[in-house]
Protein backbone atom coordinates (compact mmCIF):
# COMPACT_ATOMS: atom_id res chain seq x y z
CA UNK A 1 124.94 108.26 127.60
CA UNK A 2 123.64 105.92 124.91
CA UNK A 3 120.80 107.10 122.71
CA UNK A 4 117.47 105.46 123.61
CA UNK A 5 116.39 102.56 121.44
CA UNK A 6 113.20 103.23 119.49
CA UNK A 7 110.59 100.64 118.61
CA UNK A 8 107.83 101.40 116.11
CA UNK A 9 104.57 99.50 116.56
CA UNK A 10 102.28 99.26 113.52
CA UNK A 11 98.94 97.54 114.17
CA UNK A 12 97.21 96.38 111.01
CA UNK A 13 94.01 94.69 109.96
CA UNK A 14 93.30 94.03 106.27
CA UNK A 15 95.45 96.96 105.17
CA UNK A 16 98.14 95.12 103.22
CA UNK A 17 98.21 97.75 100.49
CA UNK A 18 99.18 100.52 102.90
CA UNK A 19 102.06 98.83 104.69
CA UNK A 20 104.79 99.67 102.20
CA UNK A 21 104.29 103.46 102.46
CA UNK A 22 103.97 103.36 106.26
CA UNK A 23 107.18 101.37 106.69
CA UNK A 24 109.02 103.50 104.11
CA UNK A 25 108.20 106.62 106.15
CA UNK A 26 109.80 104.97 109.20
CA UNK A 27 112.88 103.95 107.26
CA UNK A 28 113.23 107.49 105.86
CA UNK A 29 113.61 109.08 109.29
CA UNK A 30 116.59 111.41 109.73
CA UNK A 31 117.16 109.63 113.06
CA UNK A 32 116.86 105.87 112.47
CA UNK A 33 114.49 103.71 114.49
CA UNK A 34 115.83 100.46 115.89
CA UNK A 35 112.97 98.09 115.10
CA UNK A 36 109.60 97.91 113.42
CA UNK A 37 106.99 95.58 114.92
CA UNK A 38 103.96 94.90 112.73
CA UNK A 39 101.09 93.33 114.65
CA UNK A 40 98.64 91.62 112.33
CA UNK A 41 95.31 91.65 114.15
CA UNK A 42 93.82 88.64 112.38
CA UNK A 43 93.88 89.96 108.80
CA UNK A 44 92.22 87.89 106.08
CA UNK A 45 93.94 89.61 103.15
CA UNK A 46 97.53 89.09 101.93
CA UNK A 47 99.15 90.91 104.87
CA UNK A 48 101.70 88.11 105.55
CA UNK A 49 103.09 88.28 102.01
CA UNK A 50 103.05 92.09 102.07
CA UNK A 51 105.13 92.05 105.26
CA UNK A 52 107.52 89.47 103.82
CA UNK A 53 108.11 91.77 100.85
CA UNK A 54 109.27 94.56 103.18
CA UNK A 55 112.59 92.78 103.79
CA UNK A 56 114.82 92.78 106.84
CA UNK A 57 114.32 94.87 109.92
CA UNK A 58 110.61 94.13 110.34
CA UNK A 59 109.21 91.78 112.96
CA UNK A 60 105.85 90.22 112.17
CA UNK A 61 103.49 89.25 114.97
CA UNK A 62 100.14 87.60 114.25
CA UNK A 63 97.24 87.35 116.65
CA UNK A 64 93.52 86.52 116.43
CA UNK A 65 91.41 89.60 115.79
CA UNK A 66 91.06 91.54 119.04
CA UNK A 67 90.98 95.18 117.96
CA UNK A 68 93.60 97.95 117.58
CA UNK A 69 94.10 98.45 121.32
CA UNK A 70 94.99 94.81 121.86
CA UNK A 71 97.28 94.93 118.83
CA UNK A 72 99.12 97.99 120.13
CA UNK A 73 99.44 96.40 123.57
CA UNK A 74 100.87 93.24 122.01
CA UNK A 75 103.33 95.33 120.03
CA UNK A 76 104.49 97.15 123.16
CA UNK A 77 105.06 93.86 124.97
CA UNK A 78 106.98 92.43 122.01
CA UNK A 79 109.05 95.57 121.49
CA UNK A 80 112.55 95.89 122.90
CA UNK A 81 113.08 99.66 122.72
CA UNK A 82 113.25 102.21 125.49
CA UNK A 83 110.81 104.38 123.55
CA UNK A 84 107.80 103.30 121.54
CA UNK A 85 106.18 105.10 118.64
CA UNK A 86 102.86 104.12 117.11
CA UNK A 87 101.97 104.33 113.45
CA UNK A 88 98.61 103.34 112.03
CA UNK A 89 98.87 101.47 108.74
CA UNK A 90 97.16 104.17 106.67
CA UNK A 91 99.34 106.96 108.06
CA UNK A 92 102.94 107.97 107.52
CA UNK A 93 105.61 110.18 109.06
CA UNK A 94 107.62 113.09 107.72
CA UNK A 95 111.41 112.53 107.82
CA UNK A 96 112.23 114.72 110.86
CA UNK A 97 109.55 113.43 113.25
CA UNK A 98 111.67 111.20 115.47
CA UNK A 99 114.67 113.56 115.39
CA UNK A 100 112.63 116.49 116.68
CA UNK A 101 110.88 114.44 119.33
CA UNK A 102 114.19 113.07 120.61
CA UNK A 103 115.61 116.59 120.83
CA UNK A 104 112.71 117.60 123.05
CA UNK A 105 113.14 114.51 125.25
CA UNK A 106 116.84 115.23 125.61
CA UNK A 107 116.01 118.70 126.93
CA UNK A 108 113.24 117.41 129.22
CA UNK A 109 114.01 113.84 130.33
CA UNK A 110 111.05 113.91 132.74
CA UNK A 111 108.58 114.07 129.85
CA UNK A 112 106.64 110.83 129.29
CA UNK A 113 105.02 111.48 125.90
CA UNK A 114 105.97 113.73 123.00
CA UNK A 115 103.43 114.37 120.24
CA UNK A 116 103.41 116.46 117.08
CA UNK A 117 101.01 118.24 114.78
CA UNK A 118 99.89 116.40 111.65
CA UNK A 119 98.40 117.04 108.23
CA UNK A 120 95.22 115.33 107.05
CA UNK A 121 94.79 113.63 103.69
CA UNK A 122 91.86 111.98 101.98
CA UNK A 123 92.20 108.38 100.89
CA UNK A 124 92.85 109.46 97.30
CA UNK A 125 95.88 111.53 98.35
CA UNK A 126 94.28 114.98 98.28
CA UNK A 127 95.28 117.30 101.13
CA UNK A 128 92.37 117.94 103.49
CA UNK A 129 94.07 120.04 106.17
CA UNK A 130 97.68 121.21 106.26
CA UNK A 131 97.63 121.34 110.06
CA UNK A 132 95.29 119.45 112.37
CA UNK A 133 96.14 121.85 115.22
CA UNK A 134 95.19 124.89 113.12
CA UNK A 135 92.06 123.31 111.65
CA UNK A 136 90.59 122.40 115.04
CA UNK A 137 91.87 125.54 116.80
CA UNK A 138 94.15 123.43 118.97
CA UNK A 139 97.07 125.79 118.38
CA UNK A 140 95.07 128.55 120.11
CA UNK A 141 93.91 126.32 122.97
CA UNK A 142 97.23 124.64 123.62
CA UNK A 143 99.83 126.85 125.28
CA UNK A 144 103.21 125.17 124.95
CA UNK A 145 106.20 126.32 127.01
CA UNK A 146 109.54 127.13 125.42
CA UNK A 147 110.73 123.56 126.09
CA UNK A 148 107.58 122.03 124.60
CA UNK A 149 105.77 121.02 127.79
CA UNK A 150 101.97 121.39 127.81
CA UNK A 151 100.75 122.94 131.08
CA UNK A 152 97.54 121.67 132.64
CA UNK A 153 97.52 118.77 130.17
CA UNK A 154 94.84 116.56 131.80
CA UNK A 155 92.22 119.30 131.72
CA UNK A 156 93.11 120.21 128.15
CA UNK A 157 92.93 116.59 127.04
CA UNK A 158 89.42 116.24 128.45
CA UNK A 159 88.37 119.38 126.60
CA UNK A 160 89.96 118.37 123.29
CA UNK A 161 91.97 115.25 122.61
CA UNK A 162 94.93 116.86 120.87
CA UNK A 163 96.99 113.65 120.74
CA UNK A 164 96.86 111.63 117.55
CA UNK A 165 98.21 108.13 118.15
CA UNK A 166 100.39 108.12 115.02
CA UNK A 167 102.29 111.15 116.36
CA UNK A 168 103.14 109.65 119.78
CA UNK A 169 106.64 108.87 121.02
CA UNK A 170 106.45 107.53 124.59
CA UNK A 171 108.45 105.81 127.29
CA UNK A 172 107.62 102.17 126.68
CA UNK A 173 108.14 100.89 130.24
CA UNK A 174 105.72 103.50 131.57
CA UNK A 175 102.94 102.56 129.12
CA UNK A 176 103.45 98.87 129.87
CA UNK A 177 103.40 99.48 133.63
CA UNK A 178 100.07 101.29 133.23
CA UNK A 179 98.61 98.30 131.42
CA UNK A 180 98.55 99.96 128.02
CA UNK A 181 95.31 100.70 126.20
CA UNK A 182 92.09 99.64 127.92
CA UNK A 183 90.76 96.94 125.60
CA UNK A 184 87.30 97.11 127.19
CA UNK A 185 86.68 100.50 125.62
CA UNK A 186 85.14 100.72 122.17
CA UNK A 187 85.90 104.43 121.78
CA UNK A 188 88.50 106.82 123.19
CA UNK A 189 90.87 104.17 124.55
CA UNK A 190 93.78 106.29 123.33
CA UNK A 191 92.53 109.38 125.19
CA UNK A 192 92.03 107.35 128.35
CA UNK A 193 95.64 106.11 128.29
CA UNK A 194 97.12 109.55 127.52
CA UNK A 195 95.07 110.94 130.40
CA UNK A 196 96.42 108.31 132.81
CA UNK A 197 99.95 109.29 131.76
CA UNK A 198 99.31 113.04 131.96
CA UNK A 199 97.79 112.68 135.44
CA UNK A 200 101.25 111.87 136.82
CA UNK A 201 103.83 112.93 134.22
CA UNK A 202 104.60 115.89 131.96
CA UNK A 203 103.69 115.54 128.30
CA UNK A 204 104.99 117.73 125.51
CA UNK A 205 104.45 118.63 121.89
CA UNK A 206 106.54 119.50 118.89
CA UNK A 207 104.65 122.31 117.18
CA UNK A 208 105.54 121.37 113.63
CA UNK A 209 103.63 119.01 111.33
CA UNK A 210 105.55 115.73 111.43
CA UNK A 211 102.95 113.16 110.31
CA UNK A 212 100.19 112.66 107.77
CA UNK A 213 96.96 111.03 108.80
CA UNK A 214 94.72 109.55 106.12
CA UNK A 215 90.96 109.70 106.53
CA UNK A 216 88.62 107.64 104.40
CA UNK A 217 85.52 109.75 104.93
CA UNK A 218 83.53 111.39 107.69
CA UNK A 219 81.26 109.75 110.20
CA UNK A 220 78.04 108.34 108.77
CA UNK A 221 74.82 108.44 110.75
CA UNK A 222 75.25 104.72 111.42
CA UNK A 223 78.66 105.37 112.99
CA UNK A 224 77.60 108.24 115.27
CA UNK A 225 75.48 106.19 117.66
CA UNK A 226 78.26 103.70 118.56
CA UNK A 227 80.65 106.63 119.01
CA UNK A 228 78.30 108.39 121.43
CA UNK A 229 77.61 105.16 123.33
CA UNK A 230 81.35 104.59 123.49
CA UNK A 231 81.90 108.07 124.87
CA UNK A 232 79.38 107.42 127.65
CA UNK A 233 81.36 104.29 128.52
CA UNK A 234 84.65 106.22 128.33
CA UNK A 235 83.56 108.99 130.69
CA UNK A 236 82.39 106.42 133.24
CA UNK A 237 85.78 104.67 133.14
CA UNK A 238 87.65 107.97 133.52
CA UNK A 239 85.47 109.01 136.45
CA UNK A 240 86.16 105.63 138.04
CA UNK A 241 89.85 106.37 138.55
CA UNK A 242 90.05 110.18 138.23
CA UNK A 243 87.10 111.44 140.32
CA UNK A 244 89.39 112.72 143.08
CA UNK A 245 91.85 114.24 140.61
CA UNK A 246 89.38 116.02 138.33
CA UNK A 247 88.50 118.87 140.74
CA UNK A 248 92.22 119.71 140.74
CA UNK A 249 91.94 120.00 136.96
CA UNK A 250 88.96 122.34 137.27
CA UNK A 251 86.49 119.71 136.09
CA UNK A 252 83.43 118.05 137.62
CA UNK A 253 83.48 114.26 137.08
CA UNK A 254 79.70 113.92 137.41
CA UNK A 255 79.11 116.75 134.94
CA UNK A 256 81.44 115.05 132.47
CA UNK A 257 79.38 111.86 132.60
CA UNK A 258 76.11 113.81 132.53
CA UNK A 259 77.18 115.70 129.42
CA UNK A 260 78.03 112.45 127.64
CA UNK A 261 74.54 111.08 128.34
CA UNK A 262 73.01 114.39 127.26
CA UNK A 263 74.89 114.29 123.95
CA UNK A 264 73.54 110.79 123.34
CA UNK A 265 70.02 111.85 124.31
CA UNK A 266 70.13 114.87 122.04
CA UNK A 267 71.23 112.68 119.12
CA UNK A 268 68.33 110.29 119.74
CA UNK A 269 65.96 113.27 119.98
CA UNK A 270 67.26 114.76 116.72
CA UNK A 271 66.72 111.44 114.98
CA UNK A 272 63.15 111.03 116.24
CA UNK A 273 63.98 108.19 118.62
CA UNK A 274 62.04 109.70 121.50
CA UNK A 275 61.86 106.76 123.97
CA UNK A 276 65.64 106.31 123.78
CA UNK A 277 66.12 110.08 124.05
CA UNK A 278 64.06 110.23 127.23
CA UNK A 279 65.98 107.34 128.74
CA UNK A 280 69.40 108.86 128.00
CA UNK A 281 68.35 112.32 129.16
CA UNK A 282 67.03 110.90 132.46
CA UNK A 283 70.41 109.24 132.96
CA UNK A 284 72.05 112.60 132.33
CA UNK A 285 69.88 114.34 134.93
CA UNK A 286 70.63 111.66 137.50
CA UNK A 287 74.34 112.42 137.14
CA UNK A 288 74.00 116.22 137.18
CA UNK A 289 71.17 118.65 136.46
CA UNK A 290 71.88 120.85 133.44
CA UNK A 291 69.64 123.25 131.55
CA UNK A 292 70.34 121.47 128.26
CA UNK A 293 69.27 118.08 129.58
CA UNK A 294 66.16 119.61 131.17
CA UNK A 295 65.22 121.37 127.94
CA UNK A 296 65.45 118.26 125.77
CA UNK A 297 63.81 116.07 128.38
CA UNK A 298 60.75 118.32 128.28
CA UNK A 299 60.78 118.50 124.49
CA UNK A 300 61.08 114.73 124.21
CA UNK A 301 57.83 114.36 126.17
CA UNK A 302 55.88 116.12 123.41
CA UNK A 303 54.14 114.09 120.71
CA UNK A 304 56.25 113.49 117.63
CA UNK A 305 53.80 115.47 115.46
CA UNK A 306 54.17 118.54 117.70
CA UNK A 307 57.97 118.28 117.60
CA UNK A 308 57.83 118.14 113.80
CA UNK A 309 55.71 121.31 113.69
CA UNK A 310 58.08 123.11 116.06
CA UNK A 311 61.04 122.15 113.89
CA UNK A 312 59.25 123.32 110.75
CA UNK A 313 58.38 126.63 112.40
CA UNK A 314 61.94 127.12 113.56
CA UNK A 315 63.32 126.32 110.11
CA UNK A 316 60.86 128.76 108.56
CA UNK A 317 61.90 131.45 111.01
CA UNK A 318 65.56 130.96 110.21
CA UNK A 319 64.88 131.21 106.49
CA UNK A 320 62.79 134.35 106.97
CA UNK A 321 65.59 136.08 108.85
CA UNK A 322 67.88 135.50 105.89
CA UNK A 323 65.48 136.99 103.32
CA UNK A 324 66.55 140.36 101.85
């Protein structure tokens, strides 16, 4: 049987300076990949010349700016491999990544996606975490069978998204048949696709660290609100197609949506945006009644001055408990 052909899709947007290292990590694989497809999502920097400098073996696709999901989808459609791997421009792979994933697929040909652990680096090259699984406790929450398969994967994904896109090796025809990443989503479009796959197919993980993800800083306050709004949107989309499946996974679809609204309402409450907090918390209670949503709904009805005094009293009490 012939070895499967592997296509690597690298979406990029104004990241010309990172392309060389990303592509080098693909070319340094102990098992060679068959093609590299770089999808330029409307960059305004010198990405075209940076790609040209990479030499042969790289296909360059340009499109108007449409976001990373659209770029990955375009790359999948353009790719010719049986398997597709994704690599974000800032990230890179360790040399044995593809080899170890292929070994797992050879042992379990029914598996649709194989992922790996990854290390985390800061933008200046300093190591942040040697293992993302260990740092987030995923290694304790993620039982993996001897052949790498993750049992009960849909439920585990909805608890913690343990799949980093730059670690994925997947069956390309399956992802294309599912329509790829949902470009309507502003947040969590990767999780939504992995969940659609895991709902019908086994997924598996290589335990070892086989990739390095680069982070350029934590979330700012300005970034948290769009993320929470995006998560509300994400949970509604998931409930739309998975409401009948979720009870089989031990999850309540309405509670999932309610919790997302409650998280948004709590954030508004914590930031003193009481009218928006009340609105979000009411939406949460309409989906499912929870003690947390009830608590913060009642608190949000208090005058802002009273809430400030309660917070000050609570902070004082915490400090007092820590006095010698």
